[in-house]
Amino acid sequence: MKPSDASDPERPAEGDGLPVEAGDGHRFRLLARRPEAPVAALLWLPALGVAARHYLPFAEALTRHGIAVFVHEWRGHGSSDRRAGHDSDWGYRELLDHDLPASLAAMRTQAPGLPRIVGGHSLGGQLAACLLGLDSAAASRLWLVASGAPYWSAFPRPRRWLLPLAYRFLPWLAERRGALPGRTIGFGGTEARGVMRDWARTGLSGRYAGAGMGRDLEAALGTVTAEVDAVLCADDWLAPRSSLDFLLGKMRPAGLRCARLDAAALGTQADHFAWMRRPEAVARALAAGSDQPSA
């Protein structure tokens, strides 16, 4: 379901990464890997509950294709100075209004003049799309890996019938415990109650929204016209093609390339997380797609 220590609270060494402070005072580090002569800069958003450091092999693979990579750290994980609990909560509003703009600004400072890409894995891909909707100047390309909307009806049978139960149970559990105990149940990490409520709302309704946000995320997604490169893992039941198509249907991409990689192509299991340990094929597919004209 996830990397074995995806929500390990151990923080990176103090000198690892660029220090970033969000508008509300949240502090974290933006991990960076840069080639000698970069041709583009990527802001990469992790999956739910996965610390940024787990994407360093992927970042290093992309540098071999000339991409400078900046890996965002989700609030509550890794180098973040916050931890979710009864007295510490947040949702999509804090992630989209405070944290992601701060990482984007840091990347712009560190990689001036380069074409910009935003992308992510799973939830990271969804929020990368939302970021583009809220800030059309953020990037000209969107990269999605093992990502798609969690809307229950966008999933094939028979699993789709179980999803509404999960979307009701997990926020309830997070409310009871102060935060989702992801490491205990095998899904996500120690996740804030607000994040789980916002995520579950999309899972049940198919619509993106952030509690307390003054902007309409559904309308914002409808303005996204970036070039999109997507990678699907052949045996990934958490992000099937139907869920990707549902997410893409909210946007108006100028061009779309989608690669479906099986176990033979990946050199490992073609599931939601195994590619992170063998990221070369995914990096190659994304880099190759960005060099091609739109289909």
C-alpha atoms as a PDB file:
ATOM      1  CA  MET A   1       0.000   0.000   0.000  1.00  0.00           C
ATOM      2  CA  LYS A   2       2.845   2.440   0.721  1.00  0.00           C
ATOM      3  CA  PRO A   3       6.599   2.690   1.319  1.00  0.00           C
ATOM      4  CA  SER A   4       7.387   0.811   4.529  1.00  0.00           C
ATOM      5  CA  ASP A   5       8.289   4.004   6.382  1.00  0.00           C
ATOM      6  CA  ALA A   6       6.180   6.446   4.376  1.00  0.00           C
ATOM      7  CA  SER A   7       5.026   8.285   7.477  1.00  0.00           C
ATOM      8  CA  ASP A   8       8.157   7.860   9.566  1.00  0.00           C
ATOM      9  CA  PRO A   9       8.318  11.043  11.651  1.00  0.00           C
ATOM     10  CA  GLU A  10      12.135  11.167  11.609  1.00  0.00           C
ATOM     11  CA  ARG A  11      13.192  14.445  10.053  1.00  0.00           C
ATOM     12  CA  PRO A  12      15.999  14.985   7.526  1.00  0.00           C
ATOM     13  CA  ALA A  13      19.334  16.380   8.648  1.00  0.00           C
ATOM     14  CA  GLU A  14      19.011  20.094   9.367  1.00  0.00           C
ATOM     15  CA  GLY A  15      21.115  21.057   6.356  1.00  0.00           C
ATOM     16  CA  ASP A  16      19.167  18.928   3.873  1.00  0.00           C
ATOM     17  CA  GLY A  17      17.093  21.111   1.576  1.00  0.00           C
ATOM     18  CA  LEU A  18      16.137  24.742   1.213  1.00  0.00           C
ATOM     19  CA  PRO A  19      14.425  26.371   4.213  1.00  0.00           C
ATOM     20  CA  VAL A  20      10.932  27.630   3.342  1.00  0.00           C
ATOM     21  CA  GLU A  21       8.411  29.525   5.456  1.00  0.00           C
ATOM     22  CA  ALA A  22       4.767  29.659   4.421  1.00  0.00           C
ATOM     23  CA  GLY A  23       2.547  32.682   4.867  1.00  0.00           C
ATOM     24  CA  ASP A  24       1.100  31.418   8.150  1.00  0.00           C
ATOM     25  CA  GLY A  25       4.504  30.642   9.674  1.00  0.00           C
ATOM     26  CA  HIS A  26       4.713  26.943   8.776  1.00  0.00           C
ATOM     27  CA  ARG A  27       8.350  25.984   8.205  1.00  0.00           C
ATOM     28  CA  PHE A  28       9.735  23.093   6.178  1.00  0.00           C
ATOM     29  CA  ARG A  29      12.501  22.237   3.738  1.00  0.00           C
ATOM     30  CA  LEU A  30      12.272  21.958  -0.012  1.00  0.00           C
ATOM     31  CA  LEU A  31      14.486  19.118  -1.223  1.00  0.00           C
ATOM     32  CA  ALA A  32      16.342  19.930  -4.429  1.00  0.00           C
ATOM     33  CA  ARG A  33      18.325  17.968  -6.990  1.00  0.00           C
ATOM     34  CA  ARG A  34      19.790  19.874  -9.941  1.00  0.00           C
ATOM     35  CA  PRO A  35      21.750  18.828 -13.031  1.00  0.00           C
ATOM     36  CA  GLU A  36      24.637  20.944 -14.284  1.00  0.00           C
ATOM     37  CA  ALA A  37      22.681  22.402 -17.192  1.00  0.00           C
ATOM     38  CA  PRO A  38      18.946  22.109 -16.445  1.00  0.00           C
ATOM     39  CA  VAL A  39      16.394  22.513 -19.222  1.00  0.00           C
ATOM     40  CA  ALA A  40      13.341  22.784 -16.945  1.00  0.00           C
ATOM     41  CA  ALA A  41      12.388  22.936 -13.262  1.00  0.00           C
ATOM     42  CA  LEU A  42       9.815  20.660 -11.623  1.00  0.00           C
ATOM     43  CA  LEU A  43       7.936  21.222  -8.357  1.00  0.00           C
ATOM     44  CA  TRP A  44       6.978  17.701  -7.227  1.00  0.00           C
ATOM     45  CA  LEU A  45       4.195  16.986  -4.710  1.00  0.00           C
ATOM     46  CA  PRO A  46       4.213  13.697  -2.754  1.00  0.00           C
ATOM     47  CA  ALA A  47       1.370  11.282  -2.215  1.00  0.00           C
ATOM     48  CA  LEU A  48      -0.702  11.449   0.965  1.00  0.00           C
ATOM     49  CA  GLY A  49       1.440  10.636   3.987  1.00  0.00           C
ATOM     50  CA  VAL A  50       4.727  10.250   2.099  1.00  0.00           C
ATOM     51  CA  ALA A  51       7.706  12.328   3.208  1.00  0.00           C
ATOM     52  CA  ALA A  52       9.639  14.208   0.532  1.00  0.00           C
ATOM     53  CA  ARG A  53      12.850  12.224   1.000  1.00  0.00           C
ATOM     54  CA  HIS A  54      11.231   9.113  -0.480  1.00  0.00           C
ATOM     55  CA  TYR A  55      11.225  10.838  -3.880  1.00  0.00           C
ATOM     56  CA  LEU A  56      14.948  11.546  -3.981  1.00  0.00           C
ATOM     57  CA  PRO A  57      15.671   8.513  -6.221  1.00  0.00           C
ATOM     58  CA  PHE A  58      13.016   9.823  -8.621  1.00  0.00           C
ATOM     59  CA  ALA A  59      14.475  13.334  -8.463  1.00  0.00           C
ATOM     60  CA  GLU A  60      17.949  11.991  -9.185  1.00  0.00           C
ATOM     61  CA  ALA A  61      16.630   9.968 -12.119  1.00  0.00           C
ATOM     62  CA  LEU A  62      15.053  13.093 -13.587  1.00  0.00           C
ATOM     63  CA  THR A  63      18.272  15.091 -13.249  1.00  0.00           C
ATOM     64  CA  ARG A  64      19.799  12.647 -15.744  1.00  0.00           C
ATOM     65  CA  HIS A  65      17.251  13.993 -18.214  1.00  0.00           C
ATOM     66  CA  GLY A  66      18.139  17.610 -17.473  1.00  0.00           C
ATOM     67  CA  ILE A  67      15.277  18.345 -15.056  1.00  0.00           C
ATOM     68  CA  ALA A  68      15.927  20.314 -11.868  1.00  0.00           C
ATOM     69  CA  VAL A  69      13.614  18.833  -9.233  1.00  0.00           C
ATOM     70  CA  PHE A  70      12.253  20.484  -6.094  1.00  0.00           C
ATOM     71  CA  VAL A  71      10.326  18.116  -3.827  1.00  0.00           C
ATOM     72  CA  HIS A  72       7.680  19.719  -1.631  1.00  0.00           C
ATOM     73  CA  GLU A  73       7.176  18.561   1.955  1.00  0.00           C
ATOM     74  CA  TRP A  74       3.584  18.144   3.079  1.00  0.00           C
ATOM     75  CA  ARG A  75       2.594  19.875   6.290  1.00  0.00           C
ATOM     76  CA  GLY A  76       2.841  17.344   9.107  1.00  0.00           C
ATOM     77  CA  HIS A  77       5.522  15.124   7.551  1.00  0.00           C
ATOM     78  CA  GLY A  78       9.298  14.908   7.262  1.00  0.00           C
ATOM     79  CA  SER A  79      10.933  18.313   7.711  1.00  0.00           C
ATOM     80  CA  SER A  80       7.647  20.098   8.501  1.00  0.00           C
ATOM     81  CA  ASP A  81       7.595  21.799  11.910  1.00  0.00           C
ATOM     82  CA  ARG A  82       3.934  20.776  12.395  1.00  0.00           C
ATOM     83  CA  ARG A  83       2.401  17.484  13.435  1.00  0.00           C
ATOM     84  CA  ALA A  84      -1.317  16.776  13.212  1.00  0.00           C
ATOM     85  CA  GLY A  85      -3.204  16.178  16.450  1.00  0.00           C
ATOM     86  CA  HIS A  86      -6.098  17.324  18.610  1.00  0.00           C
ATOM     87  CA  ASP A  87      -4.548  20.793  18.908  1.00  0.00           C
ATOM     88  CA  SER A  88      -3.124  21.029  15.388  1.00  0.00           C
ATOM     89  CA  ASP A  89      -5.339  20.759  12.319  1.00  0.00           C
ATOM     90  CA  TRP A  90      -5.387  21.962   8.715  1.00  0.00           C
ATOM     91  CA  GLY A  91      -6.883  21.129   5.337  1.00  0.00           C
ATOM     92  CA  TYR A  92      -6.540  21.856   1.655  1.00  0.00           C
ATOM     93  CA  ARG A  93      -6.836  25.602   2.338  1.00  0.00           C
ATOM     94  CA  GLU A  94      -3.545  25.725   4.213  1.00  0.00           C
ATOM     95  CA  LEU A  95      -1.817  23.482   1.661  1.00  0.00           C
ATOM     96  CA  LEU A  96      -3.019  25.439  -1.385  1.00  0.00           C
ATOM     97  CA  ASP A  97      -3.088  28.986  -0.005  1.00  0.00           C
ATOM     98  CA  HIS A  98       0.103  28.892   2.079  1.00  0.00           C
ATOM     99  CA  ASP A  99       2.438  25.940   1.585  1.00  0.00           C
ATOM    100  CA  LEU A 100       2.441  25.350  -2.161  1.00  0.00           C
ATOM    101  CA  PRO A 101       2.834  29.032  -3.116  1.00  0.00           C
ATOM    102  CA  ALA A 102       5.830  29.194  -0.752  1.00  0.00           C
ATOM    103  CA  SER A 103       7.491  26.194  -2.415  1.00  0.00           C
ATOM    104  CA  LEU A 104       6.712  27.578  -5.856  1.00  0.00           C
ATOM    105  CA  ALA A 105       8.283  30.914  -4.937  1.00  0.00           C
ATOM    106  CA  ALA A 106      11.403  29.157  -3.644  1.00  0.00           C
ATOM    107  CA  MET A 107      11.709  27.165  -6.878  1.00  0.00           C
ATOM    108  CA  ARG A 108      11.355  30.329  -8.956  1.00  0.00           C
ATOM    109  CA  THR A 109      14.178  31.915  -6.970  1.00  0.00           C
ATOM    110  CA  GLN A 110      16.429  28.879  -7.288  1.00  0.00           C
ATOM    111  CA  ALA A 111      15.725  28.205 -10.980  1.00  0.00           C
ATOM    112  CA  PRO A 112      15.043  31.576 -12.610  1.00  0.00           C
ATOM    113  CA  GLY A 113      14.258  31.619 -16.295  1.00  0.00           C
ATOM    114  CA  LEU A 114      13.634  27.895 -16.666  1.00  0.00           C
ATOM    115  CA  PRO A 115      10.378  26.462 -18.027  1.00  0.00           C
ATOM    116  CA  ARG A 116       8.351  25.300 -15.032  1.00  0.00           C
ATOM    117  CA  ILE A 117       6.504  22.030 -14.456  1.00  0.00           C
ATOM    118  CA  VAL A 118       4.309  21.109 -11.500  1.00  0.00           C
ATOM    119  CA  GLY A 119       3.366  17.537 -10.813  1.00  0.00           C
ATOM    120  CA  GLY A 120       2.764  14.908  -8.245  1.00  0.00           C
ATOM    121  CA  HIS A 121       2.011  11.391  -7.175  1.00  0.00           C
ATOM    122  CA  SER A 122      -1.546  10.401  -6.221  1.00  0.00           C
ATOM    123  CA  LEU A 123      -3.002  13.216  -4.056  1.00  0.00           C
ATOM    124  CA  GLY A 124       0.055  15.256  -5.021  1.00  0.00           C
ATOM    125  CA  GLY A 125      -1.017  15.168  -8.648  1.00  0.00           C
ATOM    126  CA  GLN A 126      -4.530  16.268  -7.755  1.00  0.00           C
ATOM    127  CA  LEU A 127      -3.303  19.233  -5.732  1.00  0.00           C
ATOM    128  CA  ALA A 128      -0.748  20.091  -8.435  1.00  0.00           C
ATOM    129  CA  ALA A 129      -3.697  20.435 -10.824  1.00  0.00           C
ATOM    130  CA  CYS A 130      -5.532  22.595  -8.266  1.00  0.00           C
ATOM    131  CA  LEU A 131      -2.427  24.776  -7.869  1.00  0.00           C
ATOM    132  CA  LEU A 132      -2.349  25.355 -11.629  1.00  0.00           C
ATOM    133  CA  GLY A 133      -6.015  26.268 -11.551  1.00  0.00           C
ATOM    134  CA  LEU A 134      -5.407  28.835  -8.829  1.00  0.00           C
ATOM    135  CA  ASP A 135      -2.222  30.195 -10.432  1.00  0.00           C
ATOM    136  CA  SER A 136      -2.059  29.779 -14.200  1.00  0.00           C
ATOM    137  CA  ALA A 137       1.460  31.238 -14.224  1.00  0.00           C
ATOM    138  CA  ALA A 138       2.765  28.524 -11.906  1.00  0.00           C
ATOM    139  CA  ALA A 139       3.849  26.255 -14.761  1.00  0.00           C
ATOM    140  CA  SER A 140       3.215  25.373 -18.379  1.00  0.00           C
ATOM    141  CA  ARG A 141       3.162  21.590 -17.868  1.00  0.00           C
ATOM    142  CA  LEU A 142       1.467  19.204 -15.453  1.00  0.00           C
ATOM    143  CA  TRP A 143       2.987  15.790 -14.636  1.00  0.00           C
ATOM    144  CA  LEU A 144       0.789  13.120 -13.045  1.00  0.00           C
ATOM    145  CA  VAL A 145       2.073   9.754 -11.790  1.00  0.00           C
ATOM    146  CA  ALA A 146      -0.315   7.134 -10.377  1.00  0.00           C
ATOM    147  CA  SER A 147      -2.836   9.913  -9.890  1.00  0.00           C
ATOM    148  CA  GLY A 148      -6.538  10.423 -10.403  1.00  0.00           C
ATOM    149  CA  ALA A 149      -9.585  11.745  -8.606  1.00  0.00           C
ATOM    150  CA  PRO A 150     -10.770   9.577  -5.678  1.00  0.00           C
ATOM    151  CA  TYR A 151     -14.459   9.870  -6.692  1.00  0.00           C
ATOM    152  CA  TRP A 152     -16.014   6.520  -5.887  1.00  0.00           C
ATOM    153  CA  SER A 153     -18.057   6.300  -9.079  1.00  0.00           C
ATOM    154  CA  ALA A 154     -14.950   6.739 -11.232  1.00  0.00           C
ATOM    155  CA  PHE A 155     -13.580   3.376 -10.059  1.00  0.00           C
ATOM    156  CA  PRO A 156     -14.362  -0.007 -11.622  1.00  0.00           C
ATOM    157  CA  ARG A 157     -16.461  -2.617  -9.897  1.00  0.00           C
ATOM    158  CA  PRO A 158     -16.352  -4.246  -7.395  1.00  0.00           C
ATOM    159  CA  ARG A 159     -14.114  -1.923  -5.339  1.00  0.00           C
ATOM    160  CA  ARG A 160     -16.189   1.153  -6.090  1.00  0.00           C
ATOM    161  CA  TRP A 161     -18.924  -0.040  -3.709  1.00  0.00           C
ATOM    162  CA  LEU A 162     -16.486  -0.120  -0.774  1.00  0.00           C
ATOM    163  CA  LEU A 163     -15.098   3.363  -1.299  1.00  0.00           C
ATOM    164  CA  PRO A 164     -18.029   5.378   0.157  1.00  0.00           C
ATOM    165  CA  LEU A 165     -17.609   3.418   3.371  1.00  0.00           C
ATOM    166  CA  ALA A 166     -13.923   4.354   3.524  1.00  0.00           C
ATOM    167  CA  TYR A 167     -14.696   8.004   2.782  1.00  0.00           C
ATOM    168  CA  ARG A 168     -17.031   8.117   5.769  1.00  0.00           C
ATOM    169  CA  PHE A 169     -15.011   5.977   8.152  1.00  0.00           C
ATOM    170  CA  LEU A 170     -11.564   7.570   7.760  1.00  0.00           C
ATOM    171  CA  PRO A 171     -12.607  11.173   8.582  1.00  0.00           C
ATOM    172  CA  TRP A 172     -14.647   9.829  11.511  1.00  0.00           C
ATOM    173  CA  LEU A 173     -11.585   7.944  12.777  1.00  0.00           C
ATOM    174  CA  ALA A 174      -9.414  11.037  12.376  1.00  0.00           C
ATOM    175  CA  GLU A 175     -11.926  13.095  14.402  1.00  0.00           C
ATOM    176  CA  ARG A 176     -11.980  10.482  17.155  1.00  0.00           C
ATOM    177  CA  ARG A 177      -8.192  10.185  17.361  1.00  0.00           C
ATOM    178  CA  GLY A 178      -7.260  13.822  16.667  1.00  0.00           C
ATOM    179  CA  ALA A 179      -5.532  12.754  13.443  1.00  0.00           C
ATOM    180  CA  LEU A 180      -5.721   9.765  11.131  1.00  0.00           C
ATOM    181  CA  PRO A 181      -3.470   6.989  12.552  1.00  0.00           C
ATOM    182  CA  GLY A 182      -2.280   6.079   9.078  1.00  0.00           C
ATOM    183  CA  ARG A 183       0.708   3.983  10.068  1.00  0.00           C
ATOM    184  CA  THR A 184      -1.537   1.832  12.244  1.00  0.00           C
ATOM    185  CA  ILE A 185      -4.212   1.192   9.622  1.00  0.00           C
ATOM    186  CA  GLY A 186      -1.893   1.023   6.603  1.00  0.00           C
ATOM    187  CA  PHE A 187      -3.211   4.044   4.713  1.00  0.00           C
ATOM    188  CA  GLY A 188      -1.461   7.416   4.627  1.00  0.00           C
ATOM    189  CA  GLY A 189       0.437   8.804   7.574  1.00  0.00           C
ATOM    190  CA  THR A 190      -0.595  10.801  10.615  1.00  0.00           C
ATOM    191  CA  GLU A 191      -3.024  12.964   8.662  1.00  0.00           C
ATOM    192  CA  ALA A 192      -4.799  16.123   9.755  1.00  0.00           C
ATOM    193  CA  ARG A 193      -8.552  15.921  10.259  1.00  0.00           C
ATOM    194  CA  GLY A 194      -9.178  18.727   7.791  1.00  0.00           C
ATOM    195  CA  VAL A 195      -7.168  17.033   5.053  1.00  0.00           C
ATOM    196  CA  MET A 196      -9.169  13.852   5.515  1.00  0.00           C
ATOM    197  CA  ARG A 197     -12.473  15.753   5.413  1.00  0.00           C
ATOM    198  CA  ASP A 198     -11.510  17.580   2.219  1.00  0.00           C
ATOM    199  CA  TRP A 199     -10.194  14.389   0.584  1.00  0.00           C
ATOM    200  CA  ALA A 200     -13.306  12.411   1.531  1.00  0.00           C
ATOM    201  CA  ARG A 201     -15.585  15.180   0.225  1.00  0.00           C
ATOM    202  CA  THR A 202     -14.077  14.717  -3.239  1.00  0.00           C
ATOM    203  CA  GLY A 203     -14.315  10.944  -2.883  1.00  0.00           C
ATOM    204  CA  LEU A 204     -18.031  11.117  -2.161  1.00  0.00           C
ATOM    205  CA  SER A 205     -19.118  14.003  -4.403  1.00  0.00           C
ATOM    206  CA  GLY A 206     -16.527  14.062  -7.159  1.00  0.00           C
ATOM    207  CA  ARG A 207     -15.961  17.788  -6.551  1.00  0.00           C
ATOM    208  CA  TYR A 208     -12.830  19.491  -5.239  1.00  0.00           C
ATOM    209  CA  ALA A 209     -13.197  21.991  -2.419  1.00  0.00           C
ATOM    210  CA  GLY A 210     -11.223  23.176   0.575  1.00  0.00           C
ATOM    211  CA  ALA A 211     -13.090  24.121   3.731  1.00  0.00           C
ATOM    212  CA  GLY A 212     -12.738  27.858   4.334  1.00  0.00           C
ATOM    213  CA  MET A 213     -11.246  28.607   0.910  1.00  0.00           C
ATOM    214  CA  GLY A 214     -12.538  31.734  -0.747  1.00  0.00           C
ATOM    215  CA  ARG A 215     -11.964  30.284  -4.218  1.00  0.00           C
ATOM    216  CA  ASP A 216     -13.902  27.632  -6.120  1.00  0.00           C
ATOM    217  CA  LEU A 217     -11.530  24.753  -6.892  1.00  0.00           C
ATOM    218  CA  GLU A 218     -13.889  23.183  -9.414  1.00  0.00           C
ATOM    219  CA  ALA A 219     -14.055  26.412 -11.388  1.00  0.00           C
ATOM    220  CA  ALA A 220     -10.286  26.819 -11.056  1.00  0.00           C
ATOM    221  CA  LEU A 221      -9.641  23.350 -12.479  1.00  0.00           C
ATOM    222  CA  GLY A 222     -11.754  24.276 -15.484  1.00  0.00           C
ATOM    223  CA  THR A 223      -9.216  26.988 -16.377  1.00  0.00           C
ATOM    224  CA  VAL A 224      -6.211  24.617 -16.538  1.00  0.00           C
ATOM    225  CA  THR A 225      -4.877  24.509 -20.099  1.00  0.00           C
ATOM    226  CA  ALA A 226      -1.363  23.199 -19.432  1.00  0.00           C
ATOM    227  CA  GLU A 227       0.245  20.363 -21.350  1.00  0.00           C
ATOM    228  CA  VAL A 228      -0.277  17.144 -19.356  1.00  0.00           C
ATOM    229  CA  ASP A 229       1.996  14.102 -19.174  1.00  0.00           C
ATOM    230  CA  ALA A 230       0.605  11.182 -17.162  1.00  0.00           C
ATOM    231  CA  VAL A 231       2.014   7.808 -16.146  1.00  0.00           C
ATOM    232  CA  LEU A 232      -0.252   4.948 -15.073  1.00  0.00           C
ATOM    233  CA  CYS A 233       0.978   1.774 -13.383  1.00  0.00           C
ATOM    234  CA  ALA A 234      -0.738  -1.250 -14.912  1.00  0.00           C
ATOM    235  CA  ASP A 235      -1.740  -2.938 -11.637  1.00  0.00           C
ATOM    236  CA  ASP A 236      -2.532   0.174  -9.606  1.00  0.00           C
ATOM    237  CA  TRP A 237      -6.071  -0.180  -8.249  1.00  0.00           C
ATOM    238  CA  LEU A 238      -5.702   3.048  -6.255  1.00  0.00           C
ATOM    239  CA  ALA A 239      -5.369   5.144  -9.436  1.00  0.00           C
ATOM    240  CA  PRO A 240      -6.951   3.335 -12.398  1.00  0.00           C
ATOM    241  CA  ARG A 241      -7.302   4.960 -15.808  1.00  0.00           C
ATOM    242  CA  SER A 242     -10.955   5.770 -15.098  1.00  0.00           C
ATOM    243  CA  SER A 243     -10.028   7.913 -12.087  1.00  0.00           C
ATOM    244  CA  LEU A 244      -7.338   9.709 -14.107  1.00  0.00           C
ATOM    245  CA  ASP A 245      -9.846  10.389 -16.876  1.00  0.00           C
ATOM    246  CA  PHE A 246     -12.317  11.810 -14.347  1.00  0.00           C
ATOM    247  CA  LEU A 247      -9.652  14.222 -13.072  1.00  0.00           C
ATOM    248  CA  LEU A 248      -8.563  15.206 -16.578  1.00  0.00           C
ATOM    249  CA  GLY A 249     -12.195  15.803 -17.519  1.00  0.00           C
ATOM    250  CA  LYS A 250     -12.254  18.765 -15.143  1.00  0.00           C
ATOM    251  CA  MET A 251      -9.474  20.494 -17.129  1.00  0.00           C
ATOM    252  CA  ARG A 252      -8.883  21.661 -20.705  1.00  0.00           C
ATOM    253  CA  PRO A 253      -5.321  20.493 -21.347  1.00  0.00           C
ATOM    254  CA  ALA A 254      -3.592  21.820 -24.442  1.00  0.00           C
ATOM    255  CA  GLY A 255      -2.123  18.383 -24.990  1.00  0.00           C
ATOM    256  CA  LEU A 256      -2.157  15.004 -23.273  1.00  0.00           C
ATOM    257  CA  ARG A 257       0.292  12.123 -23.284  1.00  0.00           C
ATOM    258  CA  CYS A 258      -0.373   9.066 -21.144  1.00  0.00           C
ATOM    259  CA  ALA A 259       2.020   6.146 -20.678  1.00  0.00           C
ATOM    260  CA  ARG A 260       0.875   2.880 -19.106  1.00  0.00           C
ATOM    261  CA  LEU A 261       3.811   0.985 -17.597  1.00  0.00           C
ATOM    262  CA  ASP A 262       3.660  -2.679 -16.627  1.00  0.00           C
ATOM    263  CA  ALA A 263       5.963  -4.640 -14.339  1.00  0.00           C
ATOM    264  CA  ALA A 264       8.320  -5.511 -17.188  1.00  0.00           C
ATOM    265  CA  ALA A 265       8.746  -1.854 -18.131  1.00  0.00           C
ATOM    266  CA  LEU A 266       9.144  -0.711 -14.522  1.00  0.00           C
ATOM    267  CA  GLY A 267      11.441  -3.511 -13.397  1.00  0.00           C
ATOM    268  CA  THR A 268       9.268  -3.917 -10.299  1.00  0.00           C
ATOM    269  CA  GLN A 269       5.604  -4.316  -9.358  1.00  0.00           C
ATOM    270  CA  ALA A 270       3.310  -2.033 -11.329  1.00  0.00           C
ATOM    271  CA  ASP A 271       1.408  -0.790  -8.275  1.00  0.00           C
ATOM    272  CA  HIS A 272       0.854   2.551  -6.578  1.00  0.00           C
ATOM    273  CA  PHE A 273       4.178   2.792  -4.735  1.00  0.00           C
ATOM    274  CA  ALA A 274       6.733   0.236  -5.989  1.00  0.00           C
ATOM    275  CA  TRP A 275       7.832   2.509  -8.857  1.00  0.00           C
ATOM    276  CA  MET A 276       9.359   4.902  -6.289  1.00  0.00           C
ATOM    277  CA  ARG A 277      12.111   2.371  -5.602  1.00  0.00           C
ATOM    278  CA  ARG A 278      12.777   1.858  -9.325  1.00  0.00           C
ATOM    279  CA  PRO A 279      11.858   5.238 -10.822  1.00  0.00           C
ATOM    280  CA  GLU A 280      13.950   5.181 -13.984  1.00  0.00           C
ATOM    281  CA  ALA A 281      11.133   4.116 -16.335  1.00  0.00           C
ATOM    282  CA  VAL A 282       8.731   6.706 -14.946  1.00  0.00           C
ATOM    283  CA  ALA A 283      11.353   9.458 -15.221  1.00  0.00           C
ATOM    284  CA  ARG A 284      12.135   8.391 -18.783  1.00  0.00           C
ATOM    285  CA  ALA A 285       8.455   8.383 -19.804  1.00  0.00           C
ATOM    286  CA  LEU A 286       7.843  11.858 -18.394  1.00  0.00           C
ATOM    287  CA  ALA A 287      11.011  13.357 -19.850  1.00  0.00           C
ATOM    288  CA  ALA A 288      10.364  11.793 -23.257  1.00  0.00           C
ATOM    289  CA  GLY A 289       6.782  13.017 -23.311  1.00  0.00           C
ATOM    290  CA  SER A 290       7.803  16.578 -22.565  1.00  0.00           C
ATOM    291  CA  ASP A 291      10.087  16.525 -25.610  1.00  0.00           C
ATOM    292  CA  GLN A 292       7.294  15.471 -27.970  1.00  0.00           C
ATOM    293  CA  PRO A 293       4.640  17.596 -29.677  1.00  0.00           C
ATOM    294  CA  SER A 294       1.128  17.243 -28.320  1.00  0.00           C
ATOM    295  CA  ALA A 295      -0.975  14.416 -29.748  1.00  0.00           C
END
